[in-house]
Amino acid sequence: MTQLHTPKASRNQETGRLSFMNPVSLPGVRFLARGGDRDGTSPDVACTFPSVPAPKNTARRSLLVTSAVLLSTALSAPVALAAPKPSAGPSATPPAKMSTVGGARLGQPGTQVNLASGVPVLPKGLSARSWIVADAESGDVLAAHNAHWRLAPASTLKMLFADTLLPKWPKTTKHKVELSDLAGVGSGSSMVGIKEDETYTVHDLWLGVFLRSGNDAVHVLSAMNGGVENTVEEMNEHAEELQALDTHVVSPDGYDAEGQVSSAYDLTLIARSGLQKKDFREYCSTVRAKFPGETKKNKKGEKVRGSFEIQNTNRLLSGDFDMPVYKGIAGVKNGNTTNAGATFTGVAERDGKVLLVTVMNPEEGGHNEVYKQTAKLFDWGFKAAGKVEPVGELVPPKSAARADARPGATASSGEAGGVGDGAAGAGTGSKPVASAAVGSGSSGVGVALGVTGGVLVLLAGGVFLVNRRWPLPDLVRRRSRP
């Protein structure tokens, strides 16, 4: 018997339904991050620390300068040159021994999968350093590749940031931004466009975090939480509670920092925890929204504050010129930095099966490669589900494991509400509640709607929201294995 749990009721966990959103924007529309290249040579996801290629004639000049410096040093100094410092980036190969959380095979380097008669072969062209395919509901890991390799996570780390801080404030909480709130935002960071001396709701800030991967929004929320240092400490504590033990947080926004790492396994654990929060599901599945702009004087001298549209940079959710919206996609979070490369964790549903896929740093391929490889793994997972023998499992949080060890623990189908849910937590035996996300302006974007069953809901100009069961576990729910 495997017990399936969420961290703590106080973290806004609930066992409602996952809402799925058909694309609000056309698949052929390409949304560029601010400052993004239009020629497609640089990633157009929200980048924390984008790479900038050197001019073509720089390489030869640099070689000549370096040669001259080395020759001059050799002639003038009798001592040997100092050894170069080790690279801050990850090693080229995974370590021989990695964490075995979730199963011994997950700690082995290379691809782990139980291919047998009737099980489809893995897709070709998987060049990612690390990836994992897991059943979001049962926790079964269907296949993995270097699952516990500790790599730079980029903005996928914002899932842990959100899972840690989302329960802190109601959506309607307002905050006037001070200059100190934005201190420490890294050079080249992805930004949603927060301005000093402007007031934003917590709802606005979370839209900035999820849709535009805004490091400025992360820093403002961190300031509201007692500062970056306190937020980092809480994130590390929450990671330990989730048993995401490969993860070490240095910067809450995922900006490249020495010692900041996670793994495909951990990011999948974190996403699974976050998706049990109604607000988390709402934000990560929102395609577009209105964001408050800067207050300016109009021609009459009156102060007015407009808004501008922001779009989700998750290409499986919003689509792009070279790829359609993925059928059944419902989140979660993407990232891209110099050290991390492209990273992505996604959740999708098809034929009643809900899968989580994490892909870290594809080493080959072109534009949107992290999404294309994720789509391939989703396709494989949906075909393999129910046929392939798992190679491991997504473990429950520590508090859930401790609860399971207590005598007399009983199963429950109740759900726990939390701050920002907009509804009180239901008691034992309550029916699951469905939620839906839809873009409808700065104050109403991603409105959570209580609906029942598999009802098709028509909202906001013809957008269909298909609500399917999302029986993720609460604190004491169990599922028997055969």
Protein backbone atom coordinates (compact mmCIF):
# COMPACT_ATOMS: atom_id res chain seq x y z
CA MET A 1 0.00 0.00 0.00
CA THR A 2 1.36 3.36 -1.02
CA GLN A 3 0.14 6.40 0.80
CA LEU A 4 -0.39 9.57 -1.16
CA HIS A 5 -0.31 12.86 0.65
CA THR A 6 0.16 16.56 0.42
CA PRO A 7 2.45 18.52 2.74
CA LYS A 8 0.25 20.39 5.23
CA ALA A 9 -3.29 21.70 5.32
CA SER A 10 -1.89 25.10 6.18
CA ARG A 11 -0.23 25.15 2.77
CA ASN A 12 -3.60 25.49 1.02
CA GLN A 13 -3.81 21.88 -0.12
CA GLU A 14 -7.10 20.58 -1.48
CA THR A 15 -8.24 17.66 -3.59
CA GLY A 16 -10.42 19.40 -6.10
CA ARG A 17 -10.40 18.99 -9.84
CA LEU A 18 -7.80 20.16 -12.30
CA SER A 19 -9.11 22.62 -14.86
CA PHE A 20 -8.02 22.40 -18.47
CA MET A 21 -8.06 25.39 -20.75
CA ASN A 22 -8.20 25.38 -24.51
CA PRO A 23 -5.90 28.02 -26.01
CA VAL A 24 -7.05 31.59 -25.61
CA SER A 25 -4.44 32.73 -28.11
CA LEU A 26 -3.98 31.40 -31.61
CA PRO A 27 -1.29 28.73 -32.01
CA GLY A 28 0.39 30.73 -34.73
CA VAL A 29 0.99 33.76 -32.52
CA ARG A 30 4.51 34.08 -31.15
CA PHE A 31 4.96 35.96 -27.92
CA LEU A 32 8.38 37.41 -27.24
CA ALA A 33 9.83 38.10 -23.85
CA ARG A 34 10.85 41.70 -23.41
CA GLY A 35 14.16 42.21 -25.11
CA GLY A 36 13.81 38.86 -26.89
CA ASP A 37 15.28 38.37 -30.36
CA ARG A 38 12.83 38.20 -33.22
CA ASP A 39 15.06 35.96 -35.32
CA GLY A 40 14.54 33.03 -32.96
CA THR A 41 18.24 32.59 -32.22
CA SER A 42 17.80 33.18 -28.51
CA PRO A 43 15.16 31.57 -26.28
CA ASP A 44 11.90 33.49 -26.20
CA VAL A 45 10.87 32.06 -22.88
CA ALA A 46 11.25 34.30 -19.87
CA CYS A 47 14.98 34.33 -19.33
CA THR A 48 16.70 34.98 -16.07
CA PHE A 49 20.19 35.30 -17.50
CA PRO A 50 20.18 35.03 -21.30
CA SER A 51 23.26 34.11 -23.34
CA VAL A 52 24.53 36.73 -25.75
CA PRO A 53 26.62 35.40 -28.68
CA ALA A 54 29.87 37.21 -29.44
CA PRO A 55 30.41 38.93 -32.78
CA LYS A 56 31.89 36.67 -35.44
CA ASN A 57 35.29 38.40 -35.53
CA THR A 58 35.70 38.32 -31.76
CA ALA A 59 36.85 34.72 -31.47
CA ARG A 60 40.01 35.23 -33.55
CA ARG A 61 40.83 38.49 -31.80
CA SER A 62 40.37 36.86 -28.38
CA LEU A 63 42.67 33.99 -29.41
CA LEU A 64 45.40 36.38 -30.50
CA VAL A 65 45.12 38.44 -27.32
CA THR A 66 45.16 35.35 -25.13
CA SER A 67 48.20 33.95 -26.95
CA ALA A 68 50.06 37.23 -26.52
CA VAL A 69 49.26 37.37 -22.82
CA LEU A 70 50.35 33.80 -22.22
CA LEU A 71 53.59 34.29 -24.16
CA SER A 72 54.36 37.48 -22.26
CA THR A 73 53.72 35.74 -18.95
CA ALA A 74 55.87 32.78 -19.85
CA LEU A 75 58.82 34.99 -20.80
CA SER A 76 58.63 37.32 -17.82
CA ALA A 77 57.66 35.03 -14.95
CA PRO A 78 59.73 32.05 -13.83
CA VAL A 79 56.79 30.45 -11.97
CA ALA A 80 54.12 28.23 -13.52
CA LEU A 81 50.75 29.62 -14.47
CA ALA A 82 47.98 29.10 -11.94
CA ALA A 83 45.42 26.43 -12.81
CA PRO A 84 42.11 27.80 -14.09
CA LYS A 85 39.19 27.88 -11.69
CA PRO A 86 36.64 25.10 -12.10
CA SER A 87 33.55 25.93 -14.13
CA ALA A 88 30.52 27.09 -12.21
CA GLY A 89 28.31 25.10 -14.59
CA PRO A 90 27.31 21.45 -14.18
CA SER A 91 29.59 18.59 -15.15
CA ALA A 92 29.26 17.01 -18.56
CA THR A 93 28.25 13.65 -17.15
CA PRO A 94 26.03 12.66 -14.22
CA PRO A 95 27.67 11.38 -11.04
CA ALA A 96 27.97 7.62 -10.69
CA LYS A 97 25.95 7.71 -7.49
CA MET A 98 22.94 9.90 -6.91
CA SER A 99 20.08 10.06 -4.42
CA THR A 100 17.86 6.99 -4.23
CA VAL A 101 14.78 8.81 -2.92
CA GLY A 102 11.85 7.20 -4.70
CA GLY A 103 13.70 4.01 -5.55
CA ALA A 104 17.17 2.61 -6.16
CA ARG A 105 16.89 2.76 -9.95
CA LEU A 106 16.26 6.48 -9.85
CA GLY A 107 19.71 6.92 -8.36
CA GLN A 108 21.42 5.22 -11.30
CA PRO A 109 22.79 7.25 -14.22
CA GLY A 110 21.28 6.78 -17.65
CA THR A 111 17.78 5.90 -18.79
CA GLN A 112 15.61 3.79 -16.51
CA VAL A 113 12.55 2.14 -18.06
CA ASN A 114 11.00 -1.34 -18.01
CA LEU A 115 10.41 -2.10 -21.67
CA ALA A 116 8.34 -5.23 -22.22
CA SER A 117 5.85 -6.64 -24.64
CA GLY A 118 3.16 -4.06 -25.33
CA VAL A 119 5.19 -1.16 -23.93
CA PRO A 120 6.04 1.49 -26.55
CA VAL A 121 9.70 2.29 -27.08
CA LEU A 122 10.95 5.65 -25.87
CA PRO A 123 10.91 8.45 -28.44
CA LYS A 124 14.00 9.28 -30.43
CA GLY A 125 15.86 12.56 -30.17
CA LEU A 126 15.87 12.92 -26.37
CA SER A 127 19.00 14.95 -25.69
CA ALA A 128 18.09 16.40 -22.29
CA ARG A 129 20.57 15.90 -19.47
CA SER A 130 17.76 14.80 -17.22
CA TRP A 131 14.05 13.99 -17.56
CA ILE A 132 11.25 12.14 -15.82
CA VAL A 133 7.72 10.93 -16.66
CA ALA A 134 5.41 10.30 -13.71
CA ASP A 135 1.76 9.58 -13.00
CA ALA A 136 0.60 12.67 -11.10
CA GLU A 137 -2.10 10.80 -9.19
CA SER A 138 -0.47 7.49 -8.22
CA GLY A 139 3.04 8.90 -8.01
CA ASP A 140 4.44 6.09 -10.19
CA VAL A 141 7.57 7.06 -12.13
CA LEU A 142 7.06 5.49 -15.55
CA ALA A 143 10.52 6.30 -16.90
CA ALA A 144 13.44 8.55 -16.06
CA HIS A 145 16.86 9.66 -17.23
CA ASN A 146 19.36 10.84 -14.61
CA ALA A 147 16.39 11.68 -12.40
CA HIS A 148 18.44 12.84 -9.40
CA TRP A 149 21.18 14.72 -11.27
CA ARG A 150 21.54 18.00 -9.41
CA LEU A 151 21.43 20.74 -12.03
CA ALA A 152 20.69 24.46 -12.18
CA PRO A 153 16.87 24.77 -12.24
CA ALA A 154 16.37 28.28 -13.66
CA SER A 155 12.85 29.67 -13.23
CA THR A 156 11.28 26.26 -12.64
CA LEU A 157 12.42 26.98 -9.08
CA LYS A 158 9.58 29.50 -8.95
CA MET A 159 7.26 26.51 -8.46
CA LEU A 160 8.85 26.00 -5.04
CA PHE A 161 8.64 29.74 -4.39
CA ALA A 162 4.92 29.66 -5.14
CA ASP A 163 4.25 26.45 -3.23
CA THR A 164 5.94 28.01 -0.19
CA LEU A 165 4.42 31.51 -0.27
CA LEU A 166 1.01 31.22 -1.97
CA PRO A 167 -0.88 30.57 1.29
CA LYS A 168 0.56 33.68 2.94
CA TRP A 169 -1.86 36.37 1.73
CA PRO A 170 -5.35 36.70 0.25
CA LYS A 171 -5.37 37.61 -3.43
CA THR A 172 -6.85 41.02 -2.68
CA THR A 173 -3.97 42.09 -0.41
CA LYS A 174 -2.42 45.31 -1.75
CA HIS A 175 1.20 46.38 -1.59
CA LYS A 176 2.84 49.65 -2.61
CA VAL A 177 6.25 48.90 -4.10
CA GLU A 178 9.29 50.60 -2.63
CA LEU A 179 12.66 50.85 -4.34
CA SER A 180 14.16 48.50 -1.74
CA ASP A 181 11.66 45.79 -2.76
CA LEU A 182 13.40 45.51 -6.13
CA ALA A 183 16.93 45.44 -4.75
CA GLY A 184 18.97 42.46 -5.83
CA VAL A 185 17.12 41.66 -9.05
CA GLY A 186 19.82 40.15 -11.26
CA SER A 187 21.10 41.71 -14.46
CA GLY A 188 19.27 40.38 -17.51
CA SER A 189 16.37 39.09 -15.41
CA SER A 190 12.97 38.44 -16.93
CA MET A 191 10.64 41.18 -15.71
CA VAL A 192 6.90 41.71 -15.74
CA GLY A 193 7.30 45.48 -15.44
CA ILE A 194 6.69 46.42 -11.80
CA LYS A 195 7.21 50.10 -11.03
CA GLU A 196 8.33 51.80 -7.86
CA ASP A 197 5.61 53.70 -5.93
CA GLU A 198 2.82 51.79 -7.70
CA THR A 199 0.35 49.58 -5.82
CA TYR A 200 -0.31 46.00 -6.85
CA THR A 201 -2.52 43.25 -5.50
CA VAL A 202 -1.06 39.89 -4.56
CA HIS A 203 -3.11 38.51 -7.45
CA ASP A 204 -1.28 40.84 -9.85
CA LEU A 205 2.10 39.77 -8.47
CA TRP A 206 1.39 36.04 -8.83
CA LEU A 207 0.29 36.58 -12.41
CA GLY A 208 3.65 38.26 -12.99
CA VAL A 209 5.48 35.30 -11.44
CA PHE A 210 3.68 32.57 -13.39
CA LEU A 211 2.99 34.17 -16.76
CA ARG A 212 6.07 36.34 -17.32
CA SER A 213 8.41 34.60 -14.87
CA GLY A 214 9.00 38.07 -13.45
CA ASN A 215 11.94 38.23 -11.08
CA ASP A 216 10.74 41.67 -10.07
CA ALA A 217 7.45 40.14 -8.87
CA VAL A 218 9.36 37.46 -6.96
CA HIS A 219 11.44 40.07 -5.17
CA VAL A 220 8.41 42.16 -4.22
CA LEU A 221 6.65 39.11 -2.75
CA SER A 222 9.88 38.16 -0.97
CA ALA A 223 10.05 41.66 0.51
CA MET A 224 6.49 41.24 1.76
CA ASN A 225 7.62 37.94 3.31
CA GLY A 226 10.38 39.48 5.39
CA GLY A 227 13.05 39.65 2.72
CA VAL A 228 14.95 37.42 0.32
CA GLU A 229 17.02 35.74 3.02
CA ASN A 230 13.96 34.71 5.01
CA THR A 231 12.19 33.53 1.86
CA VAL A 232 15.16 31.40 0.81
CA GLU A 233 15.25 29.83 4.26
CA GLU A 234 11.54 28.99 4.09
CA MET A 235 11.90 27.56 0.58
CA ASN A 236 14.74 25.29 1.68
CA GLU A 237 12.71 24.15 4.68
CA HIS A 238 9.72 23.40 2.45
CA ALA A 239 11.91 21.50 -0.02
CA GLU A 240 13.14 19.33 2.83
CA GLU A 241 9.55 18.76 3.99
CA LEU A 242 8.62 17.60 0.48
CA GLN A 243 11.69 15.31 0.45
CA ALA A 244 13.04 17.31 -2.49
CA LEU A 245 16.50 16.69 -1.09
CA ASP A 246 18.43 17.45 -4.29
CA THR A 247 17.23 21.04 -4.08
CA HIS A 248 19.19 23.91 -2.57
CA VAL A 249 17.86 27.45 -2.95
CA VAL A 250 20.15 30.48 -3.06
CA SER A 251 17.97 32.93 -5.00
CA PRO A 252 14.15 32.63 -4.82
CA ASP A 253 13.66 33.52 -8.49
CA GLY A 254 15.92 30.80 -9.92
CA TYR A 255 18.56 33.28 -11.10
CA ASP A 256 21.90 31.54 -11.59
CA ALA A 257 23.76 31.38 -8.27
CA GLU A 258 26.61 29.24 -7.03
CA GLY A 259 25.28 26.17 -5.26
CA GLN A 260 21.70 26.60 -6.46
CA VAL A 261 20.52 23.22 -7.75
CA SER A 262 17.53 20.95 -8.11
CA SER A 263 16.72 17.82 -10.11
CA ALA A 264 14.06 16.54 -12.45
CA TYR A 265 12.78 14.33 -9.64
CA ASP A 266 12.55 17.23 -7.17
CA LEU A 267 10.91 19.62 -9.62
CA THR A 268 8.28 16.97 -10.29
CA LEU A 269 7.67 16.52 -6.56
CA ILE A 270 7.35 20.27 -6.14
CA ALA A 271 4.94 20.61 -9.07
CA ARG A 272 2.79 17.78 -7.72
CA SER A 273 2.57 19.54 -4.37
CA GLY A 274 1.78 22.90 -5.94
CA LEU A 275 -0.95 21.50 -8.18
CA GLN A 276 -2.93 20.54 -5.11
CA LYS A 277 -3.46 24.25 -4.48
CA LYS A 278 -6.37 25.80 -6.32
CA ASP A 279 -4.57 29.14 -6.74
CA PHE A 280 -1.44 27.41 -8.07
CA ARG A 281 -3.51 25.56 -10.70
CA GLU A 282 -5.27 28.77 -11.66
CA TYR A 283 -2.11 30.80 -12.20
CA CYS A 284 -0.06 28.15 -13.99
CA SER A 285 -2.88 27.44 -16.46
CA THR A 286 -3.69 31.08 -17.31
CA VAL A 287 -2.70 31.89 -20.89
CA ARG A 288 -3.04 35.67 -20.88
CA ALA A 289 -4.01 38.41 -18.46
CA LYS A 290 -4.09 42.17 -17.93
CA PHE A 291 -1.34 43.62 -15.76
CA PRO A 292 -1.43 47.10 -14.15
CA GLY A 293 0.68 49.69 -15.89
CA GLU A 294 2.31 52.89 -14.71
CA THR A 295 0.30 55.86 -13.46
CA LYS A 296 0.61 58.79 -15.86
CA LYS A 297 -1.07 62.11 -16.49
CA ASN A 298 -3.39 62.36 -19.45
CA LYS A 299 -3.88 65.39 -21.65
CA LYS A 300 -6.21 66.88 -19.06
CA GLY A 301 -3.56 66.58 -16.38
CA GLU A 302 -5.43 63.80 -14.60
CA LYS A 303 -3.59 60.79 -13.20
CA VAL A 304 -4.67 57.60 -14.93
CA ARG A 305 -3.38 54.08 -14.72
CA GLY A 306 -3.79 51.78 -17.66
CA SER A 307 -2.87 48.16 -18.12
CA PHE A 308 -1.09 45.96 -20.62
CA GLU A 309 -1.45 42.35 -21.65
CA ILE A 310 0.94 39.65 -20.51
CA GLN A 311 1.08 36.16 -21.98
CA ASN A 312 2.23 32.87 -20.53
CA THR A 313 5.68 31.90 -21.78
CA ASN A 314 4.89 28.18 -21.48
CA ARG A 315 4.81 27.28 -25.20
CA LEU A 316 2.90 24.05 -24.67
CA LEU A 317 0.14 26.21 -23.18
CA SER A 318 0.27 29.28 -25.42
CA GLY A 319 1.66 27.77 -28.63
CA ASP A 320 4.27 29.22 -30.97
CA PHE A 321 4.96 29.50 -34.68
CA ASP A 322 6.73 26.13 -34.76
CA MET A 323 4.50 24.16 -32.39
CA PRO A 324 0.81 23.87 -31.52
CA VAL A 325 -0.73 24.00 -28.08
CA TYR A 326 -0.35 20.55 -26.53
CA LYS A 327 -3.65 18.71 -26.14
CA GLY A 328 -4.59 18.47 -22.47
CA ILE A 329 -1.82 20.74 -21.15
CA ALA A 330 -2.62 22.54 -17.88
CA GLY A 331 0.68 24.11 -16.71
CA VAL A 332 3.24 24.22 -15.05
CA LYS A 333 6.48 26.31 -15.34
CA ASN A 334 9.39 26.95 -17.67
CA GLY A 335 12.84 28.47 -17.21
CA ASN A 336 16.03 29.39 -19.05
CA THR A 337 19.40 30.62 -17.78
CA THR A 338 23.03 30.40 -18.86
CA ASN A 339 23.92 27.55 -16.51
CA ALA A 340 20.58 25.75 -16.59
CA GLY A 341 19.83 25.95 -20.27
CA ALA A 342 16.13 25.41 -20.92
CA THR A 343 14.12 23.69 -18.19
CA PHE A 344 10.44 22.81 -18.00
CA THR A 345 7.92 20.94 -15.87
CA GLY A 346 4.48 20.30 -17.36
CA VAL A 347 1.22 18.60 -16.38
CA ALA A 348 -1.28 17.25 -18.89
CA GLU A 349 -4.39 15.07 -18.91
CA ARG A 350 -5.66 12.67 -21.52
CA ASP A 351 -8.36 9.99 -21.28
CA GLY A 352 -8.57 10.35 -17.52
CA LYS A 353 -4.82 9.97 -16.99
CA VAL A 354 -2.80 12.88 -15.53
CA LEU A 355 0.96 12.92 -16.15
CA LEU A 356 3.84 15.10 -15.00
CA VAL A 357 6.93 15.52 -17.17
CA THR A 358 10.11 17.40 -16.32
CA VAL A 359 12.88 18.05 -18.86
CA MET A 360 16.18 19.72 -17.98
CA ASN A 361 18.66 21.18 -20.45
CA PRO A 362 18.29 19.61 -23.90
CA GLU A 363 21.81 19.59 -25.32
CA GLU A 364 20.78 19.28 -28.95
CA GLY A 365 18.00 20.69 -31.05
CA GLY A 366 16.78 24.12 -31.96
CA HIS A 367 14.04 26.53 -31.07
CA ASN A 368 11.56 25.39 -28.37
CA GLU A 369 13.42 22.10 -28.01
CA VAL A 370 12.60 21.70 -24.32
CA TYR A 371 8.88 21.80 -25.18
CA LYS A 372 9.22 19.47 -28.15
CA GLN A 373 11.02 16.87 -26.04
CA THR A 374 8.44 17.30 -23.28
CA ALA A 375 5.63 16.70 -25.80
CA LYS A 376 7.36 13.52 -26.99
CA LEU A 377 7.60 12.24 -23.43
CA PHE A 378 3.95 13.10 -22.74
CA ASP A 379 2.92 11.19 -25.87
CA TRP A 380 4.98 8.19 -24.77
CA GLY A 381 3.65 8.36 -21.22
CA PHE A 382 0.00 8.36 -22.26
CA LYS A 383 0.62 5.33 -24.50
CA ALA A 384 2.67 3.52 -21.83
CA ALA A 385 0.44 4.27 -18.83
CA GLY A 386 -1.09 1.06 -17.51
CA LYS A 387 1.34 -1.05 -19.50
CA VAL A 388 4.80 -0.17 -18.22
CA GLU A 389 6.09 -1.31 -14.84
CA PRO A 390 7.19 1.75 -12.79
CA VAL A 391 10.87 2.29 -12.02
CA GLY A 392 10.22 4.31 -8.87
CA GLU A 393 7.73 6.60 -7.18
CA LEU A 394 7.18 10.18 -6.10
CA VAL A 395 7.49 10.02 -2.33
CA PRO A 396 5.09 11.72 0.10
CA PRO A 397 6.22 14.66 2.26
CA LYS A 398 7.88 13.92 5.58
CA SER A 399 4.87 15.04 7.62
CA ALA A 400 2.62 12.68 5.65
CA ALA A 401 5.01 9.80 6.18
CA ARG A 402 5.02 10.50 9.91
CA ALA A 403 1.21 10.58 9.92
CA ASP A 404 1.11 7.22 8.14
CA ALA A 405 3.30 5.68 10.82
CA ARG A 406 0.82 6.58 13.56
CA PRO A 407 -1.55 3.80 14.56
CA GLY A 408 -5.22 4.28 13.76
CA ALA A 409 -4.69 6.57 10.76
CA THR A 410 -7.72 6.46 8.48
CA ALA A 411 -8.41 7.44 4.89
CA SER A 412 -10.40 10.54 4.10
CA SER A 413 -11.69 12.22 1.00
CA GLY A 414 -11.93 15.63 2.62
CA GLU A 415 -10.10 18.66 1.29
CA ALA A 416 -8.31 21.44 3.09
CA GLY A 417 -8.89 25.02 2.13
CA GLY A 418 -6.52 27.90 2.73
CA VAL A 419 -5.85 31.59 2.39
CA GLY A 420 -6.72 32.82 -1.05
CA ASP A 421 -8.94 29.86 -1.95
CA GLY A 422 -12.11 31.86 -1.80
CA ALA A 423 -13.80 28.93 -0.06
CA ALA A 424 -13.59 27.28 3.28
CA GLY A 425 -12.08 23.83 3.56
CA ALA A 426 -14.62 21.05 3.43
CA GLY A 427 -14.85 18.36 6.05
CA THR A 428 -14.41 14.62 5.77
CA GLY A 429 -16.44 13.05 2.99
CA SER A 430 -16.96 16.27 1.04
CA LYS A 431 -17.14 16.11 -2.72
CA PRO A 432 -14.22 17.41 -4.80
CA VAL A 433 -14.57 20.94 -6.08
CA ALA A 434 -13.62 21.90 -9.61
CA SER A 435 -11.75 25.05 -10.45
CA ALA A 436 -11.30 26.88 -13.73
CA ALA A 437 -8.94 29.56 -14.98
CA VAL A 438 -9.77 32.17 -17.58
CA GLY A 439 -8.15 35.43 -18.63
CA SER A 440 -10.54 38.31 -18.05
CA GLY A 441 -8.62 41.38 -17.00
CA SER A 442 -6.29 42.47 -14.23
CA SER A 443 -8.77 41.95 -11.43
CA GLY A 444 -10.65 38.92 -12.71
CA VAL A 445 -8.01 36.88 -14.50
CA GLY A 446 -8.02 33.24 -13.62
CA VAL A 447 -11.25 33.35 -11.61
CA ALA A 448 -11.77 30.06 -9.78
CA LEU A 449 -15.24 28.70 -10.42
CA GLY A 450 -16.95 25.99 -8.41
CA VAL A 451 -18.43 23.46 -10.84
CA THR A 452 -19.34 19.79 -10.66
CA GLY A 453 -18.61 16.66 -12.65
CA GLY A 454 -17.22 16.74 -16.18
CA VAL A 455 -19.27 19.76 -17.25
CA LEU A 456 -18.30 21.90 -20.21
CA VAL A 457 -18.35 25.54 -19.19
CA LEU A 458 -18.54 28.31 -21.77
CA LEU A 459 -16.89 31.52 -20.60
CA ALA A 460 -15.30 34.71 -21.91
CA GLY A 461 -16.01 34.76 -25.61
CA GLY A 462 -16.16 31.06 -26.43
CA VAL A 463 -13.38 29.65 -24.25
CA PHE A 464 -14.27 26.10 -23.19
CA LEU A 465 -12.95 24.88 -19.86
CA VAL A 466 -13.10 21.12 -19.52
CA ASN A 467 -13.09 20.10 -15.87
CA ARG A 468 -11.94 16.56 -15.19
CA ARG A 469 -11.31 14.69 -12.00
CA TRP A 470 -8.09 15.53 -10.22
CA PRO A 471 -8.09 13.14 -7.27
CA LEU A 472 -4.73 14.16 -5.89
CA PRO A 473 -4.24 12.95 -2.34
CA ASP A 474 -4.96 14.96 0.75
CA LEU A 475 -3.15 14.44 4.04
CA VAL A 476 -4.55 10.99 4.72
CA ARG A 477 -5.70 9.60 1.37
CA ARG A 478 -4.37 6.20 0.33
CA ARG A 479 -4.31 4.10 -2.80
CA SER A 480 -3.87 0.33 -2.65
CA ARG A 481 -1.40 -1.34 -4.96
CA PRO A 482 -2.18 -4.79 -6.34
